[in-house]
């Protein structure tokens, strides 16, 4: 689906971008693809921070064998920072 969206954007903006540099074309095309996919940045708040914190621990130790409960408790003050 992303490929077809990218192809559609490329064809749609071909005439519009004809006189622009390659980098300009790529930037405009990327902007259009992001807009078409309804990109919405996340609000950086305590909820977001907590999710990132949990995801980081899961990514670093997916089997929960490296970090002890004591380690996680020591890192807990950084959950919302």
N, C-alpha and C. Protein backbone atom coordinates (compact mmCIF):
# COMPACT_ATOMS: atom_id res chain seq x y z
N UNK A 1 0.82 -1.19 0.00
CA UNK A 1 0.00 0.00 0.00
C UNK A 1 0.86 1.25 0.00
N UNK A 2 1.94 1.24 0.79
CA UNK A 2 2.81 2.42 0.84
C UNK A 2 3.45 2.67 -0.51
N UNK A 3 3.82 1.58 -1.19
CA UNK A 3 4.43 1.74 -2.50
C UNK A 3 3.46 2.37 -3.48
N UNK A 4 2.22 1.91 -3.46
CA UNK A 4 1.23 2.47 -4.38
C UNK A 4 0.94 3.93 -4.04
N UNK A 5 0.95 4.27 -2.75
CA UNK A 5 0.76 5.66 -2.34
C UNK A 5 1.93 6.50 -2.81
N UNK A 6 3.12 5.99 -2.67
CA UNK A 6 4.31 6.70 -3.12
C UNK A 6 4.27 6.88 -4.63
N UNK A 7 3.88 5.85 -5.35
CA UNK A 7 3.77 5.93 -6.80
C UNK A 7 2.73 6.97 -7.22
N UNK A 8 1.58 6.96 -6.55
CA UNK A 8 0.54 7.93 -6.87
C UNK A 8 1.01 9.35 -6.62
N UNK A 9 1.71 9.55 -5.51
CA UNK A 9 2.24 10.89 -5.21
C UNK A 9 3.26 11.31 -6.26
N UNK A 10 4.09 10.39 -6.68
CA UNK A 10 5.10 10.69 -7.68
C UNK A 10 4.46 11.13 -8.99
N UNK A 11 3.46 10.38 -9.42
CA UNK A 11 2.80 10.72 -10.67
C UNK A 11 2.02 12.02 -10.58
N UNK A 12 1.37 12.24 -9.44
CA UNK A 12 0.56 13.43 -9.26
C UNK A 12 1.41 14.70 -9.28
N UNK A 13 2.57 14.64 -8.66
CA UNK A 13 3.40 15.84 -8.53
C UNK A 13 4.50 15.93 -9.58
N UNK A 14 4.49 15.04 -10.56
CA UNK A 14 5.53 15.05 -11.58
C UNK A 14 5.61 16.39 -12.31
N UNK A 15 4.51 16.89 -12.78
CA UNK A 15 4.52 18.16 -13.50
C UNK A 15 4.85 19.32 -12.58
N UNK A 16 4.34 19.27 -11.38
CA UNK A 16 4.59 20.34 -10.41
C UNK A 16 6.07 20.43 -10.08
N UNK A 17 6.74 19.30 -10.01
CA UNK A 17 8.13 19.26 -9.57
C UNK A 17 9.14 19.33 -10.71
N UNK A 18 8.68 19.44 -11.93
CA UNK A 18 9.56 19.34 -13.10
C UNK A 18 10.75 20.29 -13.03
N UNK A 19 10.55 21.51 -12.58
CA UNK A 19 11.64 22.48 -12.58
C UNK A 19 12.45 22.53 -11.30
N UNK A 20 12.20 21.66 -10.35
CA UNK A 20 12.89 21.72 -9.07
C UNK A 20 14.04 20.72 -9.01
N UNK A 21 14.96 20.94 -8.04
CA UNK A 21 16.08 20.02 -7.88
C UNK A 21 15.59 18.68 -7.33
N UNK A 22 16.44 17.68 -7.42
CA UNK A 22 16.09 16.33 -6.95
C UNK A 22 15.78 16.34 -5.46
N UNK A 23 16.58 17.05 -4.68
CA UNK A 23 16.35 17.11 -3.23
C UNK A 23 15.02 17.78 -2.93
N UNK A 24 14.72 18.87 -3.62
CA UNK A 24 13.43 19.54 -3.43
C UNK A 24 12.28 18.61 -3.76
N UNK A 25 12.43 17.86 -4.84
CA UNK A 25 11.38 16.92 -5.23
C UNK A 25 11.17 15.87 -4.15
N UNK A 26 12.27 15.35 -3.62
CA UNK A 26 12.17 14.32 -2.59
C UNK A 26 11.53 14.86 -1.33
N UNK A 27 11.87 16.08 -0.95
CA UNK A 27 11.30 16.68 0.26
C UNK A 27 9.80 16.92 0.11
N UNK A 28 9.39 17.44 -1.04
CA UNK A 28 7.97 17.66 -1.29
C UNK A 28 7.23 16.34 -1.31
N UNK A 29 7.79 15.35 -1.97
CA UNK A 29 7.16 14.03 -2.04
C UNK A 29 7.04 13.40 -0.67
N UNK A 30 8.09 13.47 0.13
CA UNK A 30 8.05 12.93 1.48
C UNK A 30 7.00 13.63 2.32
N UNK A 31 6.90 14.93 2.20
CA UNK A 31 5.88 15.68 2.93
C UNK A 31 4.48 15.22 2.54
N UNK A 32 4.26 15.03 1.28
CA UNK A 32 2.94 14.58 0.81
C UNK A 32 2.61 13.18 1.33
N UNK A 33 3.59 12.27 1.32
CA UNK A 33 3.36 10.91 1.80
C UNK A 33 3.02 10.94 3.29
N UNK A 34 3.75 11.74 4.05
CA UNK A 34 3.47 11.84 5.49
C UNK A 34 2.07 12.40 5.71
N UNK A 35 1.71 13.45 4.98
CA UNK A 35 0.38 14.03 5.12
C UNK A 35 -0.71 13.03 4.74
N UNK A 36 -0.50 12.27 3.68
CA UNK A 36 -1.50 11.30 3.23
C UNK A 36 -1.66 10.15 4.23
N UNK A 37 -0.61 9.84 4.97
CA UNK A 37 -0.67 8.76 5.96
C UNK A 37 -1.14 9.28 7.32
N UNK A 38 -1.57 10.53 7.37
CA UNK A 38 -2.10 11.14 8.58
C UNK A 38 -1.12 11.08 9.74
N UNK A 39 0.11 11.44 9.46
CA UNK A 39 1.13 11.46 10.49
C UNK A 39 0.75 12.48 11.55
N UNK A 40 0.72 12.03 12.79
CA UNK A 40 0.44 12.93 13.90
C UNK A 40 1.47 12.67 15.00
N UNK A 41 2.29 13.64 15.29
CA UNK A 41 3.30 13.43 16.33
C UNK A 41 2.64 13.21 17.68
N UNK A 42 3.29 12.41 18.49
CA UNK A 42 2.78 12.15 19.83
C UNK A 42 3.04 13.34 20.73
N UNK A 43 2.16 13.54 21.68
CA UNK A 43 2.37 14.56 22.68
C UNK A 43 3.37 14.03 23.69
N UNK A 44 4.42 14.79 23.93
CA UNK A 44 5.44 14.36 24.88
C UNK A 44 4.98 14.77 26.27
N UNK A 45 4.49 13.78 26.99
CA UNK A 45 4.02 14.00 28.35
C UNK A 45 4.40 12.80 29.19
N UNK A 46 3.89 12.71 30.41
CA UNK A 46 4.25 11.60 31.29
C UNK A 46 3.81 10.25 30.75
N UNK A 47 2.67 10.21 30.10
CA UNK A 47 2.19 8.95 29.53
C UNK A 47 3.14 8.47 28.44
N UNK A 48 3.50 9.37 27.56
CA UNK A 48 4.44 9.03 26.48
C UNK A 48 5.78 8.58 27.05
N UNK A 49 6.28 9.33 28.02
CA UNK A 49 7.55 9.01 28.64
C UNK A 49 7.52 7.63 29.29
N UNK A 50 6.44 7.33 29.96
CA UNK A 50 6.30 6.03 30.61
C UNK A 50 6.28 4.89 29.58
N UNK A 51 5.59 5.10 28.47
CA UNK A 51 5.56 4.09 27.41
C UNK A 51 6.95 3.87 26.81
N UNK A 52 7.68 4.95 26.59
CA UNK A 52 9.04 4.84 26.05
C UNK A 52 9.94 4.12 27.05
N UNK A 53 9.81 4.44 28.30
CA UNK A 53 10.59 3.80 29.36
C UNK A 53 10.34 2.29 29.36
N UNK A 54 9.08 1.89 29.35
CA UNK A 54 8.74 0.46 29.34
C UNK A 54 9.24 -0.23 28.08
N UNK A 55 9.08 0.43 26.94
CA UNK A 55 9.53 -0.14 25.67
C UNK A 55 11.05 -0.29 25.64
N UNK A 56 11.75 0.68 26.21
CA UNK A 56 13.21 0.60 26.27
C UNK A 56 13.65 -0.60 27.10
N UNK A 57 13.05 -0.77 28.26
CA UNK A 57 13.41 -1.92 29.10
C UNK A 57 13.10 -3.24 28.39
N UNK A 58 11.98 -3.29 27.73
CA UNK A 58 11.60 -4.51 26.99
C UNK A 58 12.56 -4.77 25.84
N UNK A 59 12.98 -3.72 25.16
CA UNK A 59 13.90 -3.87 24.04
C UNK A 59 15.28 -4.29 24.52
N UNK A 60 15.74 -3.70 25.61
CA UNK A 60 17.06 -4.03 26.13
C UNK A 60 17.12 -5.41 26.78
N UNK A 61 16.01 -5.83 27.35
CA UNK A 61 15.97 -7.11 28.07
C UNK A 61 14.64 -7.82 27.80
N UNK A 62 14.46 -8.33 26.57
CA UNK A 62 13.16 -8.90 26.20
C UNK A 62 12.76 -10.14 27.01
N UNK A 63 13.73 -10.86 27.53
CA UNK A 63 13.42 -12.07 28.30
C UNK A 63 13.46 -11.83 29.81
N UNK A 64 13.70 -10.59 30.20
CA UNK A 64 13.78 -10.21 31.62
C UNK A 64 14.81 -11.03 32.38
N UNK A 65 15.97 -11.15 31.79
CA UNK A 65 17.04 -11.90 32.45
C UNK A 65 18.24 -11.03 32.82
N UNK A 66 18.30 -9.83 32.29
CA UNK A 66 19.45 -8.95 32.56
C UNK A 66 19.19 -8.01 33.72
N UNK A 67 18.05 -7.36 33.70
CA UNK A 67 17.73 -6.40 34.75
C UNK A 67 17.01 -7.09 35.91
N UNK A 68 17.51 -6.83 37.11
CA UNK A 68 16.82 -7.34 38.29
C UNK A 68 15.74 -6.33 38.68
N UNK A 69 14.89 -6.75 39.59
CA UNK A 69 13.86 -5.83 40.09
C UNK A 69 14.52 -4.63 40.76
N UNK A 70 15.62 -4.87 41.42
CA UNK A 70 16.36 -3.77 42.05
C UNK A 70 16.87 -2.78 41.00
N UNK A 71 17.38 -3.29 39.88
CA UNK A 71 17.84 -2.42 38.79
C UNK A 71 16.70 -1.55 38.26
N UNK A 72 15.58 -2.18 38.03
CA UNK A 72 14.42 -1.45 37.51
C UNK A 72 13.93 -0.42 38.52
N UNK A 73 13.94 -0.77 39.78
CA UNK A 73 13.54 0.20 40.82
C UNK A 73 14.49 1.39 40.87
N UNK A 74 15.76 1.16 40.61
CA UNK A 74 16.73 2.27 40.60
C UNK A 74 16.52 3.17 39.38
N UNK A 75 16.03 2.61 38.30
CA UNK A 75 15.77 3.40 37.09
C UNK A 75 14.41 4.10 37.13
N UNK A 76 13.55 3.65 37.99
CA UNK A 76 12.18 4.17 38.06
C UNK A 76 12.08 5.70 38.19
N UNK A 77 12.96 6.37 38.92
CA UNK A 77 12.86 7.83 38.99
C UNK A 77 13.00 8.53 37.62
N UNK A 78 13.53 7.84 36.66
CA UNK A 78 13.73 8.41 35.32
C UNK A 78 12.54 8.14 34.40
N UNK A 79 11.53 7.49 34.87
CA UNK A 79 10.38 7.10 34.03
C UNK A 79 9.73 8.32 33.36
N UNK A 80 9.63 9.43 34.05
CA UNK A 80 8.93 10.61 33.50
C UNK A 80 9.89 11.74 33.14
N UNK A 81 11.11 11.39 32.88
CA UNK A 81 12.10 12.43 32.50
C UNK A 81 12.56 12.23 31.08
